[in-house]
Protein backbone atom coordinates (compact mmCIF):
# COMPACT_ATOMS: atom_id res chain seq x y z
CA LYS A 1 42.67 61.02 -4.82
CA VAL A 2 40.94 63.67 -2.77
CA LEU A 3 37.75 62.62 -0.99
CA PRO A 4 34.77 64.95 -0.42
CA LYS A 5 34.53 66.11 3.17
CA GLU A 6 31.06 64.62 3.58
CA ARG A 7 32.59 61.14 3.34
CA THR A 8 34.75 61.72 6.39
CA GLY A 9 32.68 64.36 8.12
CA ASP A 10 32.92 63.23 11.76
CA SER A 11 35.62 61.94 14.05
CA GLN A 12 34.14 58.45 14.40
CA ALA A 13 33.94 57.96 10.64
CA ARG A 14 37.46 59.32 10.19
CA ALA A 15 38.86 56.94 12.81
CA ARG A 16 37.15 54.01 11.09
CA PHE A 17 38.47 55.18 7.74
CA GLU A 18 42.03 55.32 9.07
CA ARG A 19 41.77 51.76 10.39
CA GLU A 20 40.44 50.55 7.06
CA MET A 21 43.20 52.32 5.15
CA GLN A 22 45.77 50.54 7.29
CA ALA A 23 44.15 47.25 6.25
CA VAL A 24 44.09 48.25 2.58
CA GLY A 25 47.73 49.29 2.80
CA ARG A 26 48.66 45.72 3.71
CA VAL A 27 47.33 44.44 0.38
CA CYS A 28 50.43 44.26 -1.78
CA HIS A 29 49.80 42.35 -5.00
CA PRO A 30 50.68 42.84 -8.69
CA HIS A 31 46.96 42.91 -9.57
CA VAL A 32 45.82 45.48 -6.99
CA VAL A 33 46.54 49.20 -7.18
CA GLN A 34 48.36 49.67 -3.90
CA ALA A 35 47.47 52.38 -1.38
CA TYR A 36 50.61 54.01 0.00
CA ASP A 37 49.27 56.67 2.35
CA ALA A 38 46.10 58.29 3.67
CA ARG A 39 46.12 61.53 5.60
CA ASP A 40 44.27 64.79 6.29
CA ILE A 41 45.65 67.96 4.73
CA ASP A 42 43.84 71.05 6.02
CA GLY A 43 40.73 69.01 6.68
CA THR A 44 40.73 67.19 3.34
CA THR A 45 41.34 63.45 3.19
CA VAL A 46 43.92 62.49 0.59
CA LEU A 47 44.68 58.99 -0.67
CA VAL A 48 48.13 58.35 -2.15
CA MET A 49 48.12 55.35 -4.47
CA GLU A 50 50.22 53.57 -7.03
CA TYR A 51 50.12 55.13 -10.50
CA ALA A 52 49.00 52.71 -13.21
CA ASP A 53 49.56 53.80 -16.81
CA GLY A 54 46.81 52.45 -19.06
CA LEU A 55 43.02 52.51 -19.25
CA ASP A 56 40.21 50.79 -17.41
CA LEU A 57 38.34 47.87 -18.95
CA ALA A 58 35.21 49.95 -19.53
CA LYS A 59 37.20 52.28 -21.78
CA ALA A 60 39.00 49.35 -23.41
CA LEU A 61 35.64 47.77 -24.22
CA ALA A 62 34.22 51.02 -25.58
CA ARG A 63 37.22 51.58 -27.86
CA HIS A 64 37.90 48.00 -28.91
CA GLY A 65 34.48 46.37 -28.83
CA ARG A 66 33.92 42.91 -27.42
CA LEU A 67 37.16 41.37 -26.29
CA PRO A 68 38.59 38.14 -27.74
CA VAL A 69 37.76 35.19 -25.50
CA ALA A 70 41.31 34.56 -24.25
CA GLU A 71 41.95 38.23 -23.46
CA ALA A 72 38.63 38.63 -21.63
CA CYS A 73 39.31 35.53 -19.53
CA GLU A 74 42.89 36.56 -18.76
CA ALA A 75 41.81 40.04 -17.69
CA VAL A 76 39.24 38.64 -15.28
CA ARG A 77 41.60 35.89 -14.11
CA GLN A 78 44.18 38.51 -13.11
CA ALA A 79 41.53 40.58 -11.34
CA ALA A 80 40.46 37.47 -9.44
CA ALA A 81 44.06 36.92 -8.32
CA GLY A 82 44.13 40.44 -6.91
CA LEU A 83 40.80 39.98 -5.14
CA GLN A 84 42.09 36.74 -3.62
CA CYS A 85 44.89 38.70 -1.96
CA ALA A 86 42.35 41.23 -0.65
CA HIS A 87 40.23 38.35 0.66
CA GLU A 88 43.21 36.86 2.46
CA ASN A 89 43.65 40.23 4.18
CA GLY A 90 40.02 40.30 5.30
CA LEU A 91 38.74 42.74 2.66
CA VAL A 92 35.81 42.62 0.25
CA HIS A 93 35.69 45.19 -2.56
CA ARG A 94 31.89 45.26 -3.12
CA ASP A 95 32.01 47.36 -6.28
CA ILE A 96 33.72 45.26 -8.94
CA LYS A 97 32.92 46.44 -12.48
CA PRO A 98 34.89 47.08 -15.69
CA SER A 99 35.69 50.69 -14.77
CA ASN A 100 37.30 49.51 -11.51
CA LEU A 101 39.73 47.22 -13.34
CA MET A 102 42.75 48.97 -14.84
CA LEU A 103 44.59 47.46 -17.81
CA THR A 104 48.14 48.78 -17.84
CA ARG A 105 50.36 49.21 -20.90
CA HIS A 106 52.39 46.27 -19.62
CA GLY A 107 49.37 43.99 -19.96
CA ALA A 108 48.57 43.72 -16.25
CA VAL A 109 45.08 44.13 -14.79
CA LYS A 110 44.91 45.90 -11.45
CA VAL A 111 41.89 46.24 -9.16
CA LEU A 112 41.13 49.90 -8.44
CA ASP A 113 39.53 51.67 -5.48
CA LEU A 114 39.61 48.91 -2.90
CA GLY A 115 39.83 51.52 -0.15
CA LEU A 116 37.09 53.71 -1.58
CA ALA A 117 34.68 50.78 -1.81
CA ARG A 118 35.30 50.10 1.88
CA LEU A 119 34.69 53.74 2.73
CA GLU A 120 31.38 53.86 0.85
CA LEU A 121 30.14 50.88 2.83
CA GLN A 122 30.91 52.53 6.15
CA GLN A 123 28.90 55.72 5.60
CA HIS A 124 25.64 57.04 4.31
CA ASP A 125 25.02 60.55 3.00
CA GLY A 126 24.99 62.07 6.47
CA GLY A 127 28.57 61.00 7.09
CA GLU A 128 27.67 58.59 9.91
CA LEU A 129 28.73 55.02 10.11
CA THR A 130 26.28 52.66 8.47
CA SER A 131 24.16 50.87 11.06
CA ALA A 132 21.64 49.23 8.74
CA GLY A 133 22.19 47.31 5.56
CA GLN A 134 22.23 49.41 2.41
CA PRO A 135 22.74 48.48 -1.23
CA MET A 136 26.39 48.85 -2.11
CA GLY A 137 27.81 48.53 -5.62
CA THR A 138 26.81 49.32 -9.18
CA ALA A 139 23.39 48.02 -10.29
CA ASP A 140 24.59 46.42 -13.54
CA TYR A 141 27.07 44.22 -11.67
CA MET A 142 25.71 43.93 -8.13
CA ALA A 143 25.54 40.58 -6.34
CA PRO A 144 21.97 39.82 -5.22
CA GLU A 145 22.84 39.73 -1.52
CA GLN A 146 24.27 43.24 -1.70
CA ALA A 147 20.84 44.64 -2.54
CA ALA A 148 19.45 43.20 0.69
CA ASP A 149 22.21 43.95 3.21
CA SER A 150 25.75 44.88 2.19
CA ARG A 151 27.08 44.13 5.65
CA THR A 152 26.44 40.42 5.22
CA ALA A 153 28.23 40.17 1.87
CA ASP A 154 31.41 38.10 1.90
CA ILE A 155 34.06 37.53 -0.76
CA ARG A 156 31.53 35.73 -2.97
CA ALA A 157 29.93 39.15 -3.45
CA ASP A 158 33.05 39.99 -5.46
CA VAL A 159 32.94 36.73 -7.44
CA GLY A 160 29.41 37.52 -8.70
CA PRO A 161 30.18 40.99 -10.10
CA LEU A 162 33.42 39.62 -11.56
CA GLY A 163 31.28 37.14 -13.48
CA CYS A 164 29.01 39.97 -14.63
CA THR A 165 32.11 41.86 -15.76
CA LEU A 166 33.30 38.88 -17.81
CA TYR A 167 29.80 38.57 -19.31
CA LYS A 168 30.07 42.22 -20.39
CA LEU A 169 33.59 41.86 -21.82
CA LEU A 170 32.52 38.85 -23.89
CA SER A 171 29.04 39.94 -24.98
CA GLY A 172 29.44 43.71 -25.12
CA ARG A 173 26.42 44.23 -22.85
CA ALA A 174 25.61 44.01 -19.17
CA PRO A 175 23.51 41.03 -18.03
CA PHE A 176 20.30 43.04 -17.72
CA VAL A 177 19.61 45.78 -20.28
CA GLY A 178 16.56 46.90 -22.27
CA PRO A 179 13.12 48.35 -21.52
CA LYS A 180 12.53 46.11 -18.49
CA TYR A 181 15.74 47.21 -16.80
CA GLN A 182 15.96 50.97 -17.10
CA THR A 183 16.42 51.92 -13.45
CA PRO A 184 18.92 50.75 -10.81
CA VAL A 185 16.07 49.25 -8.76
CA GLN A 186 14.83 47.20 -11.73
CA LYS A 187 18.35 45.93 -12.32
CA MET A 188 18.83 45.03 -8.66
CA PHE A 189 15.60 43.02 -8.65
CA ALA A 190 16.70 41.34 -11.88
CA HIS A 191 19.92 40.19 -10.24
CA MET A 192 17.79 38.60 -7.53
CA SER A 193 15.16 36.93 -9.71
CA ASP A 194 15.82 36.98 -13.49
CA GLN A 195 18.22 35.07 -15.73
CA PRO A 196 20.30 36.99 -18.30
CA PRO A 197 20.33 35.92 -21.96
CA PRO A 198 22.60 32.88 -22.42
CA LEU A 199 26.11 33.96 -23.23
CA GLU A 200 26.39 31.37 -26.00
CA GLY A 201 23.48 32.99 -27.83
CA LEU A 202 25.14 36.40 -27.75
CA ARG A 203 28.63 35.17 -28.62
CA PRO A 204 28.76 31.90 -30.63
CA ASP A 205 32.52 31.41 -30.23
CA VAL A 206 32.28 31.23 -26.43
CA PRO A 207 32.85 27.57 -25.49
CA ALA A 208 29.99 25.93 -23.63
CA ALA A 209 32.37 25.11 -20.77
CA LEU A 210 33.31 28.79 -20.40
CA ALA A 211 29.66 29.85 -20.47
CA SER A 212 29.12 27.39 -17.62
CA VAL A 213 31.97 28.98 -15.64
CA VAL A 214 30.45 32.44 -16.11
CA ARG A 215 27.01 31.20 -15.03
CA ARG A 216 28.51 29.73 -11.87
CA MET A 217 30.34 32.96 -11.10
CA MET A 218 27.03 34.84 -11.49
CA ALA A 219 24.86 32.32 -9.60
CA LYS A 220 22.26 34.04 -7.46
CA PRO A 221 22.74 32.02 -4.25
CA PRO A 222 26.27 32.73 -2.96
CA ALA A 223 26.66 29.05 -2.07
CA GLU A 224 26.40 28.13 -5.76
CA ARG A 225 29.24 30.44 -6.83
CA TYR A 226 32.93 29.69 -6.65
CA GLU A 227 33.93 29.83 -3.02
CA THR A 228 36.84 32.23 -3.58
CA PRO A 229 38.30 34.39 -6.37
CA ALA A 230 41.18 31.90 -6.55
CA ASP A 231 38.72 29.14 -7.45
CA ALA A 232 37.24 31.31 -10.21
CA ALA A 233 40.73 32.18 -11.48
CA ALA A 234 41.63 28.49 -11.71
CA ALA A 235 38.46 27.77 -13.67
CA LEU A 236 39.22 30.58 -16.14
CA ALA A 237 42.89 29.74 -16.66
CA PRO A 238 42.38 27.15 -19.46
CA PHE A 239 40.35 29.66 -21.50
CA ALA A 240 42.98 32.38 -21.11
CA ALA A 241 45.74 30.48 -22.92
CA GLY A 242 47.47 32.60 -25.56
CA ALA A 243 46.04 35.91 -24.35
CA ASP A 244 47.98 39.05 -25.27
CA LEU A 245 46.77 41.86 -23.02
CA ARG A 246 49.71 44.07 -23.93
CA ARG A 247 48.57 44.12 -27.54
CA LEU A 248 44.96 44.61 -26.48
CA VAL A 249 45.73 47.76 -24.51
CA ALA A 250 47.85 49.06 -27.42
CA VAL A 251 44.88 48.56 -29.75
CA ALA A 252 42.45 50.20 -27.34
CA ALA A 253 44.83 53.14 -26.93
CA GLY A 254 45.13 53.50 -30.72
CA ASP A 255 48.74 52.37 -30.88
CA ALA A 256 48.18 49.14 -32.85
CA GLN A 257 45.80 47.51 -35.32
CA PRO A 258 42.62 45.88 -33.95
CA VAL A 259 42.60 42.35 -32.60
CA LEU A 260 40.24 40.61 -35.02
CA LEU A 261 37.39 38.44 -33.82
CA ARG A 262 36.00 35.50 -35.75
CA ASP A 263 33.68 36.26 -38.66
CA SER A 264 30.80 34.69 -36.76
CA ASP A 265 31.06 37.47 -34.18
């Protein structure tokens, strides 16, 4: 990936970026797209990363429709495992969403753009290092604390958006959509104060226990969420039994027949 010059436009920002890329390069996990190198070529910053053959979960959802329960849970469980490794290396992604989760043709989910999320946090449009808290993330999936001050967000700010992602994979819609939530600001305030429609009402075959797990992942106070991605992954594991992500990606890519949902869906 080639980054716009305005993202690394001064020497201080570039030095910070290089330190962060060294940290990202230490994250070696089957469920994280690994960064191999970062360097300047004629004044342009280039990231060299692992190639993952497949499609992101946003595209998979658009092509397949709502995912079967087991496959949705397994996809998010794998992403949580990757985020746990990032957490153990002192990193928080801060922009988890379906389009940042790659589903490979081998049925593995890999977290994308860990380094780019870190870079966005460090700078504002002028290319200087961020000195005041700024919203960081995508409004449909943002943890409430990120809207107030991204600098204070810890790993639980990845657990929340991961819960929003699972909500989307299961229901086919983001937590806050409709006339009341048309702008990013409206959606950010909703994450801080409103409750999304119950998942069970949107998807009758979602077990009540799984809906409870998703609600805890999306809890507004960070202290009420799972403490780590590993805790969320463990809670999702029973609901992921029998998942076949390799078939799912084949269907989404048009290489196999659709995975059928229950008639009640």
